[in-house]
Amino acid sequence: MKISPNNFKKVAVAGTSLIVILGVIAGIYHLTDSGDDITAPMQELQSTEETRAAESESMLYLQDIHESVALITESSLRFKTEYEALNSELNEDGTNRYTHLSISENNNAVYLEYAELMDFMDSRTGLLYFGRPACPWCRLLVPPLLEFADENGVPVYYYDIEQDREENNEKYINILSVFQAYLPTDTVTQSEDEHDFDPELKRVVLPQLFYMENGRVQADLLMFQHEYLRDDEPEKVKKLLGEMKNSTAVNLGSNIDYDDCGCE
C-alpha cells in the first residue's frame, strides 16, 4: 500500500496524539493507584491564586493610603488654613463677607517663597498660580483649580503676591519684569486722566495663572471677572485649565476691559 506525503503527515500526527493521550491516562492511573488525590494540585493552585489576588488588593489599598497621606504636606495644610480662615468673617449686615471654602487637607497646592518663585520662573515646569486668600475671584477659582490638579495629578505652585504688590517692593517689580508681556496696564494705582499716566506700568491682576515650561511661559490664563466663575461653571473652568496645560490657551484674559474695574 502506497501512502502519500500528506497522508503520511496525518498518520504521524495521529500517532503522536495517541501517545500523548496514553501518557496522560497512565499518569492519572498512577496517581489513583498510589492513593494520591489528583484534585489536590488544582486546589493548591486555586488557593495560591486567591492568596495572590488578596495580597495584590491589599497592596493597592496600602498604596492608596500611602499616596493620600503623602499628599498631606505643610503646603497643603497652610493653603487650607489660610483660605478657610476667612469663612467666618461677616459683613456689617451679618452676611458672609467671603465665599465659603472647604478645602481638602491633601490638596495639591505647593507654596513658593520668593527665592523659590525666582527659581521656578528661571527653569522650572508647571502650573503657577498668583492669588491671595481675600481675593473674591481667587476663592471662586480655588475649588475647580484644585479639582483639576487632583484629577490630573499635577501640583499647583502658589505664590501669595498680596504683600509684595501692596508694598510695590523690589520683589514685585522683578515679578512684573518677568511677566510684562502678559499683564494688563495698571489702572488701579493710576488713572488715565492723570497727566503722568504710564500705559507701560503693569499690574498682576488676580487670579492669574501661567503654565511654565523650563522657565518659559507657554500659556497664561487671567480669571478676573471671568464668566465661568461668575456663572459657577467649574467644568468649563477645568476645561480652560486643561487647554492651558496643553499650551493651547494663550492670553485668554487679554480682552478684558480693566478701566474702572476695581481689579484685584
Protein backbone atom coordinates (compact mmCIF):
# COMPACT_ATOMS: atom_id res chain seq x y z
CA MET A 1 0.00 0.00 0.00
CA LYS A 2 1.40 3.38 -1.02
CA ILE A 3 0.94 6.32 1.39
CA SER A 4 1.06 9.87 0.01
CA PRO A 5 3.20 12.50 1.81
CA ASN A 6 0.08 14.32 3.08
CA ASN A 7 -1.45 11.11 4.41
CA PHE A 8 1.87 10.18 5.98
CA LYS A 9 1.87 13.51 7.90
CA LYS A 10 -1.67 12.87 9.12
CA VAL A 11 -0.77 9.38 10.33
CA ALA A 12 2.28 10.73 12.14
CA VAL A 13 0.27 13.46 13.89
CA ALA A 14 -2.42 10.98 14.89
CA GLY A 15 0.19 8.63 16.29
CA THR A 16 1.81 11.37 18.30
CA SER A 17 -1.55 12.47 19.71
CA LEU A 18 -2.34 8.89 20.71
CA ILE A 19 0.97 8.56 22.56
CA VAL A 20 0.28 11.80 24.47
CA ILE A 21 -3.24 10.64 25.43
CA LEU A 22 -1.95 7.27 26.62
CA GLY A 23 0.71 9.03 28.69
CA VAL A 24 -1.89 11.21 30.41
CA ILE A 25 -4.10 8.19 31.15
CA ALA A 26 -1.13 6.32 32.59
CA GLY A 27 -0.25 9.28 34.81
CA ILE A 28 -3.77 9.53 36.14
CA TYR A 29 -3.85 5.77 36.78
CA HIS A 30 -0.57 6.02 38.68
CA LEU A 31 -1.87 8.79 40.91
CA THR A 32 -5.13 6.97 41.57
CA ASP A 33 -3.43 3.66 42.22
CA SER A 34 -0.99 5.22 44.66
CA GLY A 35 -3.82 6.76 46.66
CA ASP A 36 -2.86 10.38 45.77
CA ASP A 37 -5.64 12.94 45.45
CA ILE A 38 -5.40 14.21 41.89
CA THR A 39 -7.53 17.26 42.75
CA ALA A 40 -5.04 18.45 45.37
CA PRO A 41 -2.68 20.19 42.92
CA MET A 42 -5.62 22.01 41.34
CA GLN A 43 -6.92 23.10 44.75
CA GLU A 44 -3.47 24.23 45.76
CA LEU A 45 -3.12 26.28 42.56
CA GLN A 46 -6.53 27.88 43.12
CA SER A 47 -5.63 28.70 46.71
CA THR A 48 -2.35 30.27 45.61
CA GLU A 49 -4.10 32.44 43.01
CA GLU A 50 -6.69 33.59 45.58
CA THR A 51 -3.90 34.45 48.03
CA ARG A 52 -2.04 36.41 45.40
CA ALA A 53 -5.20 38.29 44.44
CA ALA A 54 -5.85 39.19 48.09
CA GLU A 55 -2.25 40.31 48.56
CA SER A 56 -2.45 42.43 45.41
CA GLU A 57 -5.67 44.08 46.61
CA SER A 58 -4.09 44.77 49.99
CA MET A 59 -1.03 46.31 48.36
CA LEU A 60 -3.18 48.60 46.22
CA TYR A 61 -5.16 49.65 49.31
CA LEU A 62 -1.97 50.40 51.24
CA GLN A 63 -0.61 52.28 48.23
CA ASP A 64 -3.76 54.43 48.12
CA ILE A 65 -3.39 55.18 51.84
CA HIS A 66 0.29 55.99 51.40
CA GLU A 67 -0.40 58.36 48.50
CA SER A 68 -3.19 60.10 50.41
CA VAL A 69 -1.02 60.58 53.48
CA ALA A 70 1.94 61.65 51.36
CA LEU A 71 -0.11 64.48 49.84
CA ILE A 72 -0.87 66.00 53.26
CA THR A 73 2.04 68.42 53.33
CA GLU A 74 2.93 71.61 55.12
CA SER A 75 1.96 73.49 51.95
CA SER A 76 -1.41 71.79 51.57
CA LEU A 77 -2.32 72.40 55.22
CA ARG A 78 -1.18 76.02 55.04
CA PHE A 79 -3.22 76.62 51.89
CA LYS A 80 -6.31 75.10 53.51
CA THR A 81 -5.84 77.05 56.75
CA GLU A 82 -5.27 80.45 55.14
CA TYR A 83 -8.19 80.25 52.72
CA GLU A 84 -10.66 78.73 55.19
CA ALA A 85 -9.70 81.25 57.89
CA LEU A 86 -11.89 83.86 56.16
CA ASN A 87 -15.01 81.68 56.11
CA SER A 88 -16.29 83.10 59.38
CA GLU A 89 -15.85 86.79 58.55
CA LEU A 90 -19.12 88.71 58.20
CA ASN A 91 -20.28 91.98 56.71
CA GLU A 92 -21.99 94.61 58.87
CA ASP A 93 -25.40 93.22 57.85
CA GLY A 94 -24.43 89.74 59.06
CA THR A 95 -23.97 88.18 55.65
CA ASN A 96 -20.85 86.23 54.77
CA ARG A 97 -18.08 88.53 53.61
CA TYR A 98 -16.27 85.85 51.62
CA THR A 99 -17.22 82.77 49.61
CA HIS A 100 -17.19 79.80 51.96
CA LEU A 101 -14.49 77.27 51.10
CA SER A 102 -13.94 73.70 52.28
CA ILE A 103 -10.52 72.52 51.15
CA SER A 104 -9.12 69.02 51.46
CA GLU A 105 -6.04 68.53 53.63
CA ASN A 106 -4.33 66.63 50.82
CA ASN A 107 -4.79 69.29 48.17
CA ASN A 108 -2.10 69.80 45.51
CA ALA A 109 -1.03 73.32 46.47
CA VAL A 110 2.71 73.93 46.75
CA TYR A 111 3.67 77.24 48.39
CA LEU A 112 6.56 79.13 46.84
CA GLU A 113 8.68 81.60 48.75
CA TYR A 114 10.19 84.43 46.71
CA ALA A 115 13.54 82.68 46.10
CA GLU A 116 11.69 79.54 45.02
CA LEU A 117 9.48 81.61 42.73
CA MET A 118 12.56 83.11 41.07
CA ASP A 119 13.99 79.63 40.57
CA PHE A 120 10.67 78.44 39.18
CA MET A 121 10.49 81.31 36.70
CA ASP A 122 14.08 80.67 35.69
CA SER A 123 14.00 77.00 34.80
CA ARG A 124 11.01 75.05 36.14
CA THR A 125 7.95 73.49 34.53
CA GLY A 126 4.42 73.54 35.95
CA LEU A 127 1.25 75.46 36.75
CA LEU A 128 1.88 78.75 38.57
CA TYR A 129 -0.94 80.50 40.42
CA PHE A 130 -0.79 84.09 41.71
CA GLY A 131 -3.53 84.80 44.22
CA ARG A 132 -4.44 85.77 47.77
CA PRO A 133 -6.99 84.38 50.25
CA ALA A 134 -9.14 87.53 50.40
CA CYS A 135 -9.48 87.85 46.61
CA PRO A 136 -13.14 87.01 45.78
CA TRP A 137 -12.29 85.74 42.29
CA CYS A 138 -9.48 83.60 43.68
CA ARG A 139 -11.91 81.99 46.09
CA LEU A 140 -14.23 81.15 43.21
CA LEU A 141 -11.32 79.70 41.25
CA VAL A 142 -9.80 77.56 44.00
CA PRO A 143 -12.34 74.66 44.01
CA PRO A 144 -12.17 73.85 40.25
CA LEU A 145 -8.43 74.58 40.24
CA LEU A 146 -7.74 72.04 43.00
CA GLU A 147 -10.13 69.52 41.42
CA PHE A 148 -8.29 69.86 38.12
CA ALA A 149 -4.93 69.41 39.84
CA ASP A 150 -6.13 66.32 41.70
CA GLU A 151 -7.75 64.73 38.63
CA ASN A 152 -4.63 65.30 36.53
CA GLY A 153 -2.05 64.57 39.21
CA VAL A 154 -0.34 67.96 38.87
CA PRO A 155 0.79 70.37 41.60
CA VAL A 156 -0.38 73.97 41.77
CA TYR A 157 2.62 76.18 42.53
CA TYR A 158 1.18 79.05 44.55
CA TYR A 159 2.57 82.48 45.31
CA ASP A 160 0.64 84.87 47.55
CA ILE A 161 1.51 88.20 45.99
CA GLU A 162 -0.59 90.44 48.25
CA GLN A 163 2.15 91.91 50.45
CA ASP A 164 4.65 92.44 47.63
CA ARG A 165 2.05 94.18 45.49
CA GLU A 166 0.83 96.44 48.29
CA GLU A 167 4.38 97.50 49.12
CA ASN A 168 5.33 97.72 45.45
CA ASN A 169 8.68 96.36 46.60
CA GLU A 170 11.65 95.03 44.66
CA LYS A 171 10.18 91.54 44.61
CA TYR A 172 7.01 92.79 42.94
CA ILE A 173 8.95 94.87 40.42
CA ASN A 174 11.02 91.82 39.48
CA ILE A 175 7.86 89.76 39.00
CA LEU A 176 6.40 92.48 36.77
CA SER A 177 9.53 92.49 34.64
CA VAL A 178 9.33 88.73 34.04
CA PHE A 179 5.64 88.71 33.07
CA GLN A 180 5.48 92.16 31.46
CA ALA A 181 4.14 90.89 28.14
CA TYR A 182 1.22 89.04 29.77
CA LEU A 183 -0.06 91.63 32.24
CA PRO A 184 -2.65 94.41 31.80
CA THR A 185 -1.91 98.09 32.30
CA ASP A 186 -2.26 99.16 35.91
CA THR A 187 -5.43 101.26 36.23
CA VAL A 188 -5.73 100.66 39.97
CA THR A 189 -2.85 102.75 41.29
CA GLN A 190 -3.09 105.27 38.46
CA SER A 191 -5.78 106.80 36.25
CA GLU A 192 -5.74 107.58 32.55
CA ASP A 193 -6.92 111.10 33.48
CA GLU A 194 -3.63 111.78 35.25
CA HIS A 195 -1.02 113.72 33.29
CA ASP A 196 1.69 111.25 34.26
CA PHE A 197 -0.31 108.14 33.36
CA ASP A 198 2.07 105.39 32.26
CA PRO A 199 0.49 102.82 29.90
CA GLU A 200 3.59 100.65 30.31
CA LEU A 201 3.05 100.26 34.03
CA LYS A 202 1.63 96.77 34.52
CA ARG A 203 -0.22 95.04 37.34
CA VAL A 204 -0.62 91.44 38.42
CA VAL A 205 -4.41 91.16 38.41
CA LEU A 206 -5.78 88.25 40.42
CA PRO A 207 -6.31 85.43 39.95
CA GLN A 208 -3.58 84.97 37.36
CA LEU A 209 -2.22 81.62 36.17
CA PHE A 210 0.73 80.70 33.99
CA TYR A 211 1.85 77.41 32.57
CA MET A 212 5.64 77.42 32.55
CA GLU A 213 7.95 75.07 30.69
CA ASN A 214 11.64 75.23 31.53
CA GLY A 215 11.12 78.76 32.82
CA ARG A 216 9.28 79.99 29.73
CA VAL A 217 5.61 81.00 29.66
CA GLN A 218 3.73 78.61 27.37
CA ALA A 219 0.23 79.85 28.23
CA ASP A 220 -1.48 82.24 30.60
CA LEU A 221 -4.98 82.47 31.97
CA LEU A 222 -6.46 85.55 33.66
CA MET A 223 -9.60 84.60 35.58
CA PHE A 224 -10.57 88.01 36.98
CA GLN A 225 -14.31 88.57 36.37
CA HIS A 226 -14.34 85.54 34.09
CA GLU A 227 -17.83 84.49 33.02
CA TYR A 228 -17.20 80.86 34.02
CA LEU A 229 -16.53 81.98 37.59
CA ARG A 230 -19.47 84.40 37.62
CA ASP A 231 -21.81 81.70 36.31
CA ASP A 232 -20.40 78.96 38.57
CA GLU A 233 -19.36 76.60 35.78
CA PRO A 234 -16.47 74.59 37.29
CA GLU A 235 -16.30 72.04 34.47
CA LYS A 236 -15.72 74.82 31.93
CA VAL A 237 -13.04 76.29 34.20
CA LYS A 238 -11.30 72.91 34.32
CA LYS A 239 -11.51 72.66 30.54
CA LEU A 240 -9.75 76.03 30.27
CA LEU A 241 -7.08 74.81 32.66
CA GLY A 242 -6.60 71.71 30.54
CA GLU A 243 -6.19 73.84 27.42
CA MET A 244 -3.67 75.99 29.22
CA LYS A 245 -1.70 72.95 30.41
CA ASN A 246 -1.66 71.72 26.82
CA SER A 247 -0.36 75.16 25.80
CA THR A 248 -3.36 75.96 23.60
CA ALA A 249 -4.85 78.77 25.69
CA VAL A 250 -2.58 81.78 25.39
CA ASN A 251 -3.56 85.26 26.62
CA LEU A 252 -7.12 84.20 27.45
CA GLY A 253 -7.63 87.25 29.64
CA SER A 254 -6.23 89.87 27.30
CA ASN A 255 -9.62 91.15 26.08
CA ILE A 256 -10.95 92.22 29.48
CA ASP A 257 -11.51 95.95 29.92
CA TYR A 258 -9.69 96.92 33.11
CA ASP A 259 -10.74 100.57 33.23
CA ASP A 260 -12.60 101.29 36.47
CA CYS A 261 -12.89 97.56 37.05
CA GLY A 262 -11.92 97.53 40.72
CA CYS A 263 -9.35 94.93 39.83
CA GLU A 264 -7.90 92.68 42.47
